[in-house]
Every structure is written in C-alpha cells, then in structure tokens.
Amino acid sequence: MIPDAVLRAAGLILAARRDLAPIESLPDDCRPETQAEAYAVQAAVVARLTQELGGPEDGIAGFKIGATSAAAQAFLSLDGPFYGCIPRDKVLASPARVAPGEHNCCLIQPQFAVRLGRDLSVRDTAYGRGEVAEAVASVHPAFEVVTSAYGAAWRQAGALQLIADNGVHNCLVLGPGREDWRDLDLAAHPVVFTRNGQEEGRGTGANALGHPLDALAWLASQAVAGGRGLRAGDLVTTGVVTPFILAGPGDDLVADFGILGQVDLHMAG
C-alpha cells in the first residue's frame, strides 16, 4: 500500500468521524488488504488525532484490545485479537458524560482496564501472564465507548477496515483503580451492566481472552504502534466482558465490578 493511499484512507476515516457522515467502506484504491496495511492506516489516523498532544513523548495514553472472545474473532474472521490506540484527550474520569449525537454511533462496552507501573518493551519472545502482572500498578472498572467511520455499517466493514479505523475506539471512561488487586481472581470476577437501572447483561473477566492479563500479555507481545511498546503509565483496556449495547440520549449506564468498584456514564441529550 503506497503512502498516498494510506494517507487517503486515514483522511476519509477522520472526515467521516468529524463530519458525522459515515462511509460504507473505504474505496478499493485505499482499502487495506493485510493487517500490516490496516495498522499503517491506523498509525496515520492516530498521528492526526494526537498531533496537537505531542510534546516530548507522544499523544497516546494507551491501547484498547478488541476481539478478545472466540465469538468476536469468528464474526470478524480473525485468529486473534486486534488493538487500537487511546489518545490522551480521550480518557474521561467516571462519572462521565458523552453526547451520542456527536458521534456516528456509541456502543458501550464494560471492560477491565489496567494502568502499567513499568515498561513492557518490544522483544522477540512472547510475554506471559505472570510477567505482565508484575508490571500492572492498578486495575480499573472501565467503559470503552466505540464509534466508527462506517457508522451502522461497521458490522459489514470487516476486521481490516475496523483496525484501520483505530480499532473503532472513541473514548475510555475510567473508574477509580485499585492497587490491591493481586489477591483477586480476575478471570472469575463478576461484572453487572445496567442501563437506567435495568440489567443489560453480566459476565466475568474470563470473557477477555480467558483472563484480562492474558489479553495484556498478547498486547505486550505485539510491536504496537510501530514498535513503541507499552510504557509505564499506559492504560490498557482488555476487551468487553458483558454484552455491549448501542446507547442513546438520556441513558444512564453503570458497570458494577463488585469490590473493584463501578464505572458510570451518562449519555447527554
């Protein structure tokens, strides 16, 4: 994929998001055909999203992991997860407000998020659960708010176009973290998701690739963001653990993570 095609694809994605004018698909001349091409487009999208947040490091606050369930991977014809980048200005503290009318769609996904206390640098050998656990400073209840350049057509876009669209990340709503999480069984840890006081679904950490830290180990083993690697202070969302919903104006959303706390989001009218 030539550089001009990468930039053209990124421009179309960003315009569709900014102008609330979703596209059904990227044109043939700039549609990624491999994961490498899809991540190249993603990098161009993220560079534009974070260019005003640059400074001495970069504008990336961390990463989201998508397709951490077997069902999601089968739906997208993937043999593993994918990732997107979280811009620094897209991290909201709970309780938060999001205006759904300012986005092509607002899919709400309860997730375990972690904040790293030390780097997990790119290397040739894969990371394991125990190794990445040592790098986790805190565990947080979180919502990932998902949107897409493709709007309601995201289901037909296919994995490569979703990756190119920064993994369809919109923003992260982060609940208070706990540093004393190590005695918890995160795989068995329950999460209950409600909208306007009515239960929408429930799940456990096992829905995120079997264990949230296994999802983190997968991410740490990738050459994320062109080899940037994971850094101390980064936030990582590890994949949806309950059914997700399309939220609308006026919705009050809560994900209760029990002893880990809860995350709250109000959808403004």
C-alpha atoms as a PDB file:
ATOM      1  CA  MET A   1       0.000   0.000   0.000  1.00  0.00           C
ATOM      2  CA  ILE A   2       1.685   3.206  -1.136  1.00  0.00           C
ATOM      3  CA  PRO A   3       1.979   6.131   1.306  1.00  0.00           C
ATOM      4  CA  ASP A   4      -0.520   8.250  -0.635  1.00  0.00           C
ATOM      5  CA  ALA A   5      -3.145   5.509  -0.313  1.00  0.00           C
ATOM      6  CA  VAL A   6      -2.505   5.229   3.438  1.00  0.00           C
ATOM      7  CA  LEU A   7      -2.979   8.976   3.882  1.00  0.00           C
ATOM      8  CA  ARG A   8      -6.083   8.974   1.688  1.00  0.00           C
ATOM      9  CA  ALA A   9      -7.667   6.205   3.759  1.00  0.00           C
ATOM     10  CA  ALA A  10      -6.809   7.998   7.009  1.00  0.00           C
ATOM     11  CA  GLY A  11      -8.282  11.238   5.701  1.00  0.00           C
ATOM     12  CA  LEU A  12     -11.549   9.557   4.726  1.00  0.00           C
ATOM     13  CA  ILE A  13     -11.846   7.875   8.134  1.00  0.00           C
ATOM     14  CA  LEU A  14     -11.186  11.093  10.018  1.00  0.00           C
ATOM     15  CA  ALA A  15     -13.603  13.112   7.868  1.00  0.00           C
ATOM     16  CA  ALA A  16     -16.365  10.523   8.339  1.00  0.00           C
ATOM     17  CA  ARG A  17     -15.940  10.721  12.099  1.00  0.00           C
ATOM     18  CA  ARG A  18     -15.567  14.507  12.254  1.00  0.00           C
ATOM     19  CA  ASP A  19     -18.446  15.348   9.912  1.00  0.00           C
ATOM     20  CA  LEU A  20     -20.797  12.627  11.219  1.00  0.00           C
ATOM     21  CA  ALA A  21     -21.027  11.376   7.642  1.00  0.00           C
ATOM     22  CA  PRO A  22     -20.303   7.646   7.837  1.00  0.00           C
ATOM     23  CA  ILE A  23     -18.973   5.782   4.817  1.00  0.00           C
ATOM     24  CA  GLU A  24     -19.962   2.228   3.962  1.00  0.00           C
ATOM     25  CA  SER A  25     -16.411   1.235   3.103  1.00  0.00           C
ATOM     26  CA  LEU A  26     -13.047   2.597   2.083  1.00  0.00           C
ATOM     27  CA  PRO A  27     -12.619   2.807  -1.704  1.00  0.00           C
ATOM     28  CA  ASP A  28     -10.829  -0.025  -3.472  1.00  0.00           C
ATOM     29  CA  ASP A  29      -7.747   2.099  -4.136  1.00  0.00           C
ATOM     30  CA  CYS A  30      -7.050   2.686  -0.428  1.00  0.00           C
ATOM     31  CA  ARG A  31      -8.674  -0.246   1.327  1.00  0.00           C
ATOM     32  CA  PRO A  32      -6.157  -2.304   3.359  1.00  0.00           C
ATOM     33  CA  GLU A  33      -5.709  -5.904   2.271  1.00  0.00           C
ATOM     34  CA  THR A  34      -3.399  -7.083   5.064  1.00  0.00           C
ATOM     35  CA  GLN A  35      -3.108  -6.420   8.795  1.00  0.00           C
ATOM     36  CA  ALA A  36       0.161  -4.573   8.168  1.00  0.00           C
ATOM     37  CA  GLU A  37      -1.631  -2.199   5.803  1.00  0.00           C
ATOM     38  CA  ALA A  38      -4.531  -1.785   8.232  1.00  0.00           C
ATOM     39  CA  TYR A  39      -2.178  -0.836  11.071  1.00  0.00           C
ATOM     40  CA  ALA A  40      -0.348   1.565   8.741  1.00  0.00           C
ATOM     41  CA  VAL A  41      -3.634   3.381   8.139  1.00  0.00           C
ATOM     42  CA  GLN A  42      -4.368   3.279  11.873  1.00  0.00           C
ATOM     43  CA  ALA A  43      -0.993   4.874  12.592  1.00  0.00           C
ATOM     44  CA  ALA A  44      -1.803   7.704  10.183  1.00  0.00           C
ATOM     45  CA  VAL A  45      -5.214   8.192  11.806  1.00  0.00           C
ATOM     46  CA  VAL A  46      -3.696   8.275  15.286  1.00  0.00           C
ATOM     47  CA  ALA A  47      -0.931  10.659  14.210  1.00  0.00           C
ATOM     48  CA  ARG A  48      -3.590  13.119  13.081  1.00  0.00           C
ATOM     49  CA  LEU A  49      -5.698  12.615  16.226  1.00  0.00           C
ATOM     50  CA  THR A  50      -2.736  13.185  18.533  1.00  0.00           C
ATOM     51  CA  GLN A  51      -0.680  15.760  16.625  1.00  0.00           C
ATOM     52  CA  GLU A  52      -1.755  18.564  18.973  1.00  0.00           C
ATOM     53  CA  LEU A  53      -0.964  16.439  22.030  1.00  0.00           C
ATOM     54  CA  GLY A  54       2.628  15.663  21.035  1.00  0.00           C
ATOM     55  CA  GLY A  55       5.152  17.061  23.471  1.00  0.00           C
ATOM     56  CA  PRO A  56       8.304  15.154  24.394  1.00  0.00           C
ATOM     57  CA  GLU A  57       6.684  11.706  24.183  1.00  0.00           C
ATOM     58  CA  ASP A  58       3.539  11.154  22.137  1.00  0.00           C
ATOM     59  CA  GLY A  59      -0.186  11.693  22.349  1.00  0.00           C
ATOM     60  CA  ILE A  60      -1.004   8.070  23.164  1.00  0.00           C
ATOM     61  CA  ALA A  61      -2.456   7.313  26.613  1.00  0.00           C
ATOM     62  CA  GLY A  62      -2.561   3.580  25.999  1.00  0.00           C
ATOM     63  CA  PHE A  63      -4.307   0.904  23.964  1.00  0.00           C
ATOM     64  CA  LYS A  64      -7.631  -0.898  23.540  1.00  0.00           C
ATOM     65  CA  ILE A  65      -7.796  -4.587  22.705  1.00  0.00           C
ATOM     66  CA  GLY A  66     -10.632  -5.834  20.534  1.00  0.00           C
ATOM     67  CA  ALA A  67     -11.919  -9.271  19.515  1.00  0.00           C
ATOM     68  CA  THR A  68     -10.848 -10.989  22.724  1.00  0.00           C
ATOM     69  CA  SER A  69     -13.670 -13.530  22.550  1.00  0.00           C
ATOM     70  CA  ALA A  70     -13.958 -16.541  20.265  1.00  0.00           C
ATOM     71  CA  ALA A  71     -17.323 -15.261  19.027  1.00  0.00           C
ATOM     72  CA  ALA A  72     -15.902 -11.876  18.026  1.00  0.00           C
ATOM     73  CA  GLN A  73     -12.957 -13.497  16.281  1.00  0.00           C
ATOM     74  CA  ALA A  74     -15.249 -15.830  14.351  1.00  0.00           C
ATOM     75  CA  PHE A  75     -17.516 -12.926  13.358  1.00  0.00           C
ATOM     76  CA  LEU A  76     -14.525 -10.946  12.043  1.00  0.00           C
ATOM     77  CA  SER A  77     -12.704 -13.975  10.557  1.00  0.00           C
ATOM     78  CA  LEU A  78      -9.697 -13.365  12.808  1.00  0.00           C
ATOM     79  CA  ASP A  79      -7.439 -15.862  14.545  1.00  0.00           C
ATOM     80  CA  GLY A  80      -6.620 -13.480  17.380  1.00  0.00           C
ATOM     81  CA  PRO A  81      -7.343 -10.028  18.839  1.00  0.00           C
ATOM     82  CA  PHE A  82      -6.504  -6.604  17.400  1.00  0.00           C
ATOM     83  CA  TYR A  83      -5.606  -3.302  19.026  1.00  0.00           C
ATOM     84  CA  GLY A  84      -6.258   0.417  18.705  1.00  0.00           C
ATOM     85  CA  CYS A  85      -4.669   3.454  20.333  1.00  0.00           C
ATOM     86  CA  ILE A  86      -6.217   5.616  23.062  1.00  0.00           C
ATOM     87  CA  PRO A  87      -5.391   9.328  22.564  1.00  0.00           C
ATOM     88  CA  ARG A  88      -4.601  11.227  25.746  1.00  0.00           C
ATOM     89  CA  ASP A  89      -7.603  13.545  25.343  1.00  0.00           C
ATOM     90  CA  LYS A  90      -9.964  10.566  25.036  1.00  0.00           C
ATOM     91  CA  VAL A  91      -9.662   9.401  28.651  1.00  0.00           C
ATOM     92  CA  LEU A  92     -12.605  10.505  30.824  1.00  0.00           C
ATOM     93  CA  ALA A  93     -12.896  10.057  34.574  1.00  0.00           C
ATOM     94  CA  SER A  94     -16.028   8.367  35.903  1.00  0.00           C
ATOM     95  CA  PRO A  95     -18.705   9.629  36.327  1.00  0.00           C
ATOM     96  CA  ALA A  96     -18.584  10.970  32.779  1.00  0.00           C
ATOM     97  CA  ARG A  97     -20.889  12.433  30.135  1.00  0.00           C
ATOM     98  CA  VAL A  98     -20.816  11.667  26.429  1.00  0.00           C
ATOM     99  CA  ALA A  99     -23.104  13.189  23.800  1.00  0.00           C
ATOM    100  CA  PRO A 100     -24.158  10.375  21.450  1.00  0.00           C
ATOM    101  CA  GLY A 101     -25.295  12.871  18.825  1.00  0.00           C
ATOM    102  CA  GLU A 102     -21.673  13.946  18.359  1.00  0.00           C
ATOM    103  CA  HIS A 103     -20.626  10.500  17.097  1.00  0.00           C
ATOM    104  CA  ASN A 104     -21.646   8.142  14.305  1.00  0.00           C
ATOM    105  CA  CYS A 105     -22.633   5.568  16.911  1.00  0.00           C
ATOM    106  CA  CYS A 106     -22.000   4.924  20.602  1.00  0.00           C
ATOM    107  CA  LEU A 107     -21.511   1.282  21.526  1.00  0.00           C
ATOM    108  CA  ILE A 108     -20.793   0.853  25.245  1.00  0.00           C
ATOM    109  CA  GLN A 109     -18.533  -1.981  26.394  1.00  0.00           C
ATOM    110  CA  PRO A 110     -17.688  -2.769  30.050  1.00  0.00           C
ATOM    111  CA  GLN A 111     -14.047  -3.799  30.359  1.00  0.00           C
ATOM    112  CA  PHE A 112     -11.257  -4.375  32.850  1.00  0.00           C
ATOM    113  CA  ALA A 113      -8.596  -1.710  32.345  1.00  0.00           C
ATOM    114  CA  VAL A 114      -5.096  -1.697  33.781  1.00  0.00           C
ATOM    115  CA  ARG A 115      -2.532   1.014  34.339  1.00  0.00           C
ATOM    116  CA  LEU A 116       1.079  -0.042  33.934  1.00  0.00           C
ATOM    117  CA  GLY A 117       3.686   0.764  36.545  1.00  0.00           C
ATOM    118  CA  ARG A 118       6.657  -0.089  34.332  1.00  0.00           C
ATOM    119  CA  ASP A 119       7.540  -0.582  30.685  1.00  0.00           C
ATOM    120  CA  LEU A 120       6.852  -3.758  28.741  1.00  0.00           C
ATOM    121  CA  SER A 121       9.272  -3.254  25.876  1.00  0.00           C
ATOM    122  CA  VAL A 122       9.069  -4.930  22.479  1.00  0.00           C
ATOM    123  CA  ARG A 123      11.111  -8.141  22.352  1.00  0.00           C
ATOM    124  CA  ASP A 124      11.402 -11.352  20.334  1.00  0.00           C
ATOM    125  CA  THR A 125       9.838 -13.689  22.917  1.00  0.00           C
ATOM    126  CA  ALA A 126       6.197 -13.560  23.979  1.00  0.00           C
ATOM    127  CA  TYR A 127       5.163 -12.291  27.400  1.00  0.00           C
ATOM    128  CA  GLY A 128       3.258 -14.494  29.854  1.00  0.00           C
ATOM    129  CA  ARG A 129       0.510 -13.683  32.335  1.00  0.00           C
ATOM    130  CA  GLY A 130       2.740 -13.714  35.407  1.00  0.00           C
ATOM    131  CA  GLU A 131       5.304 -11.449  33.796  1.00  0.00           C
ATOM    132  CA  VAL A 132       2.838  -8.769  32.737  1.00  0.00           C
ATOM    133  CA  ALA A 133       1.064  -8.969  36.110  1.00  0.00           C
ATOM    134  CA  GLU A 134       4.245  -7.665  37.729  1.00  0.00           C
ATOM    135  CA  ALA A 135       4.007  -4.547  35.546  1.00  0.00           C
ATOM    136  CA  VAL A 136       0.377  -3.725  36.472  1.00  0.00           C
ATOM    137  CA  ALA A 137       0.127  -0.913  39.001  1.00  0.00           C
ATOM    138  CA  SER A 138      -3.681  -0.801  39.235  1.00  0.00           C
ATOM    139  CA  VAL A 139      -6.856  -2.383  37.877  1.00  0.00           C
ATOM    140  CA  HIS A 140      -9.877  -0.247  36.976  1.00  0.00           C
ATOM    141  CA  PRO A 141     -13.522  -0.717  36.014  1.00  0.00           C
ATOM    142  CA  ALA A 142     -13.997   0.924  32.631  1.00  0.00           C
ATOM    143  CA  PHE A 143     -16.276   1.570  29.689  1.00  0.00           C
ATOM    144  CA  GLU A 144     -14.904   1.697  26.198  1.00  0.00           C
ATOM    145  CA  VAL A 145     -17.137   3.885  24.050  1.00  0.00           C
ATOM    146  CA  VAL A 146     -16.912   2.605  20.488  1.00  0.00           C
ATOM    147  CA  THR A 147     -17.653   4.593  17.345  1.00  0.00           C
ATOM    148  CA  SER A 148     -16.794   4.121  13.704  1.00  0.00           C
ATOM    149  CA  ALA A 149     -16.247   5.913  10.441  1.00  0.00           C
ATOM    150  CA  TYR A 150     -18.606   3.295   9.000  1.00  0.00           C
ATOM    151  CA  GLY A 151     -21.493   4.053  11.373  1.00  0.00           C
ATOM    152  CA  ALA A 152     -24.077   1.278  11.456  1.00  0.00           C
ATOM    153  CA  ALA A 153     -22.178  -0.458   8.629  1.00  0.00           C
ATOM    154  CA  TRP A 154     -19.318  -1.355  10.983  1.00  0.00           C
ATOM    155  CA  ARG A 155     -20.645  -4.919  11.162  1.00  0.00           C
ATOM    156  CA  GLN A 156     -20.075  -5.344   7.423  1.00  0.00           C
ATOM    157  CA  ALA A 157     -16.758  -3.493   7.234  1.00  0.00           C
ATOM    158  CA  GLY A 158     -14.560  -6.454   8.149  1.00  0.00           C
ATOM    159  CA  ALA A 159     -11.639  -6.677  10.532  1.00  0.00           C
ATOM    160  CA  LEU A 160      -9.057  -4.852   8.408  1.00  0.00           C
ATOM    161  CA  GLN A 161     -11.204  -1.760   7.974  1.00  0.00           C
ATOM    162  CA  LEU A 162     -12.047  -1.760  11.698  1.00  0.00           C
ATOM    163  CA  ILE A 163      -8.345  -1.913  12.567  1.00  0.00           C
ATOM    164  CA  ALA A 164      -7.672   0.949  10.156  1.00  0.00           C
ATOM    165  CA  ASP A 165     -10.409   2.954  11.927  1.00  0.00           C
ATOM    166  CA  ASN A 166      -8.242   2.933  15.066  1.00  0.00           C
ATOM    167  CA  GLY A 167      -9.934  -0.255  16.201  1.00  0.00           C
ATOM    168  CA  VAL A 168     -13.237   1.721  16.280  1.00  0.00           C
ATOM    169  CA  HIS A 169     -12.148   3.399  19.526  1.00  0.00           C
ATOM    170  CA  ASN A 170     -13.931   6.551  20.618  1.00  0.00           C
ATOM    171  CA  CYS A 171     -13.051   7.170  24.261  1.00  0.00           C
ATOM    172  CA  LEU A 172     -12.326   5.453  27.564  1.00  0.00           C
ATOM    173  CA  VAL A 173     -14.329   6.109  30.742  1.00  0.00           C
ATOM    174  CA  LEU A 174     -12.135   5.113  33.654  1.00  0.00           C
ATOM    175  CA  GLY A 175     -13.328   4.268  37.144  1.00  0.00           C
ATOM    176  CA  PRO A 176     -11.109   4.576  40.244  1.00  0.00           C
ATOM    177  CA  GLY A 177      -8.345   1.992  40.291  1.00  0.00           C
ATOM    178  CA  ARG A 178      -7.201  -0.400  42.982  1.00  0.00           C
ATOM    179  CA  GLU A 179      -3.586  -1.230  43.614  1.00  0.00           C
ATOM    180  CA  ASP A 180      -4.505  -4.094  45.975  1.00  0.00           C
ATOM    181  CA  TRP A 181      -5.912  -6.300  43.222  1.00  0.00           C
ATOM    182  CA  ARG A 182      -3.418  -9.177  43.252  1.00  0.00           C
ATOM    183  CA  ASP A 183      -5.417 -11.499  45.502  1.00  0.00           C
ATOM    184  CA  LEU A 184      -8.455 -11.246  43.207  1.00  0.00           C
ATOM    185  CA  ASP A 185      -9.308 -13.916  40.652  1.00  0.00           C
ATOM    186  CA  LEU A 186      -9.818 -11.570  37.704  1.00  0.00           C
ATOM    187  CA  ALA A 187     -10.976 -14.383  35.414  1.00  0.00           C
ATOM    188  CA  ALA A 188     -13.859 -15.255  37.759  1.00  0.00           C
ATOM    189  CA  HIS A 189     -14.527 -11.664  38.818  1.00  0.00           C
ATOM    190  CA  PRO A 190     -18.173 -10.720  38.056  1.00  0.00           C
ATOM    191  CA  VAL A 191     -19.374  -7.612  36.216  1.00  0.00           C
ATOM    192  CA  VAL A 192     -23.023  -6.477  36.025  1.00  0.00           C
ATOM    193  CA  PHE A 193     -24.026  -3.938  33.364  1.00  0.00           C
ATOM    194  CA  THR A 194     -27.177  -1.824  33.780  1.00  0.00           C
ATOM    195  CA  ARG A 195     -28.924   0.861  31.762  1.00  0.00           C
ATOM    196  CA  ASN A 196     -31.364   3.137  33.560  1.00  0.00           C
ATOM    197  CA  GLY A 197     -31.425   0.695  36.458  1.00  0.00           C
ATOM    198  CA  GLN A 198     -32.283  -2.334  34.306  1.00  0.00           C
ATOM    199  CA  GLU A 199     -29.773  -5.116  33.809  1.00  0.00           C
ATOM    200  CA  GLU A 200     -28.371  -5.390  30.269  1.00  0.00           C
ATOM    201  CA  GLY A 201     -26.072  -8.312  30.944  1.00  0.00           C
ATOM    202  CA  ARG A 202     -23.329  -9.728  33.075  1.00  0.00           C
ATOM    203  CA  GLY A 203     -20.037 -11.535  32.626  1.00  0.00           C
ATOM    204  CA  THR A 204     -16.626 -12.217  34.086  1.00  0.00           C
ATOM    205  CA  GLY A 205     -13.024 -11.434  33.257  1.00  0.00           C
ATOM    206  CA  ALA A 206     -12.730 -14.811  31.557  1.00  0.00           C
ATOM    207  CA  ASN A 207     -14.594 -13.307  28.604  1.00  0.00           C
ATOM    208  CA  ALA A 208     -11.457 -11.282  27.812  1.00  0.00           C
ATOM    209  CA  LEU A 209      -9.272 -13.930  26.131  1.00  0.00           C
ATOM    210  CA  GLY A 210      -9.731 -16.240  29.128  1.00  0.00           C
ATOM    211  CA  HIS A 211      -8.190 -13.733  31.571  1.00  0.00           C
ATOM    212  CA  PRO A 212      -7.682  -9.949  31.349  1.00  0.00           C
ATOM    213  CA  LEU A 213      -3.952 -10.420  31.956  1.00  0.00           C
ATOM    214  CA  ASP A 214      -3.737 -12.892  29.075  1.00  0.00           C
ATOM    215  CA  ALA A 215      -5.131 -10.144  26.864  1.00  0.00           C
ATOM    216  CA  LEU A 216      -2.472  -7.791  28.239  1.00  0.00           C
ATOM    217  CA  ALA A 217       0.224 -10.399  27.583  1.00  0.00           C
ATOM    218  CA  TRP A 218      -0.967 -10.700  23.978  1.00  0.00           C
ATOM    219  CA  LEU A 219      -0.748  -6.929  23.519  1.00  0.00           C
ATOM    220  CA  ALA A 220       2.690  -6.683  25.144  1.00  0.00           C
ATOM    221  CA  SER A 221       3.929  -9.319  22.698  1.00  0.00           C
ATOM    222  CA  GLN A 222       2.966  -7.187  19.671  1.00  0.00           C
ATOM    223  CA  ALA A 223       5.080  -4.438  18.149  1.00  0.00           C
ATOM    224  CA  VAL A 224       2.342  -1.922  18.947  1.00  0.00           C
ATOM    225  CA  ALA A 225       2.289   1.490  17.314  1.00  0.00           C
ATOM    226  CA  GLY A 226       5.247   0.749  15.059  1.00  0.00           C
ATOM    227  CA  GLY A 227       7.401  -0.671  17.847  1.00  0.00           C
ATOM    228  CA  ARG A 228       6.600   1.900  20.534  1.00  0.00           C
ATOM    229  CA  GLY A 229       5.857  -0.837  23.060  1.00  0.00           C
ATOM    230  CA  LEU A 230       3.946  -0.434  26.308  1.00  0.00           C
ATOM    231  CA  ARG A 231       5.179   2.192  28.739  1.00  0.00           C
ATOM    232  CA  ALA A 232       4.809   2.942  32.418  1.00  0.00           C
ATOM    233  CA  GLY A 233       1.627   4.967  32.870  1.00  0.00           C
ATOM    234  CA  ASP A 234      -0.124   3.457  29.852  1.00  0.00           C
ATOM    235  CA  LEU A 235      -3.748   2.399  30.182  1.00  0.00           C
ATOM    236  CA  VAL A 236      -4.865  -0.822  28.503  1.00  0.00           C
ATOM    237  CA  THR A 237      -8.474  -1.973  28.107  1.00  0.00           C
ATOM    238  CA  THR A 238      -8.554  -5.738  27.860  1.00  0.00           C
ATOM    239  CA  GLY A 239     -11.776  -6.482  25.984  1.00  0.00           C
ATOM    240  CA  VAL A 240     -15.528  -6.451  26.552  1.00  0.00           C
ATOM    241  CA  VAL A 241     -16.742  -8.850  29.264  1.00  0.00           C
ATOM    242  CA  THR A 242     -20.535  -8.441  29.071  1.00  0.00           C
ATOM    243  CA  PRO A 243     -22.968  -7.949  26.194  1.00  0.00           C
ATOM    244  CA  PHE A 244     -22.482  -4.474  24.734  1.00  0.00           C
ATOM    245  CA  ILE A 245     -25.240  -2.034  23.803  1.00  0.00           C
ATOM    246  CA  LEU A 246     -25.954   0.867  21.493  1.00  0.00           C
ATOM    247  CA  ALA A 247     -26.641   3.763  23.857  1.00  0.00           C
ATOM    248  CA  GLY A 248     -28.857   6.754  23.206  1.00  0.00           C
ATOM    249  CA  PRO A 249     -29.601  10.186  24.677  1.00  0.00           C
ATOM    250  CA  GLY A 250     -30.599  10.131  28.326  1.00  0.00           C
ATOM    251  CA  ASP A 251     -29.204   6.700  29.096  1.00  0.00           C
ATOM    252  CA  ASP A 252     -27.559   6.263  32.496  1.00  0.00           C
ATOM    253  CA  LEU A 253     -25.055   3.414  32.314  1.00  0.00           C
ATOM    254  CA  VAL A 254     -23.341   1.615  35.197  1.00  0.00           C
ATOM    255  CA  ALA A 255     -20.964  -1.329  35.200  1.00  0.00           C
ATOM    256  CA  ASP A 256     -20.593  -2.784  38.694  1.00  0.00           C
ATOM    257  CA  PHE A 257     -17.291  -4.609  39.213  1.00  0.00           C
ATOM    258  CA  GLY A 258     -18.008  -5.509  42.837  1.00  0.00           C
ATOM    259  CA  ILE A 259     -15.017  -4.968  45.116  1.00  0.00           C
ATOM    260  CA  LEU A 260     -13.203  -3.244  42.233  1.00  0.00           C
ATOM    261  CA  GLY A 261     -15.855  -0.505  42.180  1.00  0.00           C
ATOM    262  CA  GLN A 262     -18.007   0.756  39.356  1.00  0.00           C
ATOM    263  CA  VAL A 263     -17.897   2.995  36.320  1.00  0.00           C
ATOM    264  CA  ASP A 264     -20.699   5.456  35.491  1.00  0.00           C
ATOM    265  CA  LEU A 265     -21.591   7.145  32.220  1.00  0.00           C
ATOM    266  CA  HIS A 266     -24.459   9.481  31.327  1.00  0.00           C
ATOM    267  CA  MET A 267     -25.417   9.899  27.688  1.00  0.00           C
ATOM    268  CA  ALA A 268     -26.311  13.555  27.255  1.00  0.00           C
ATOM    269  CA  GLY A 269     -29.393  14.558  25.311  1.00  0.00           C
END
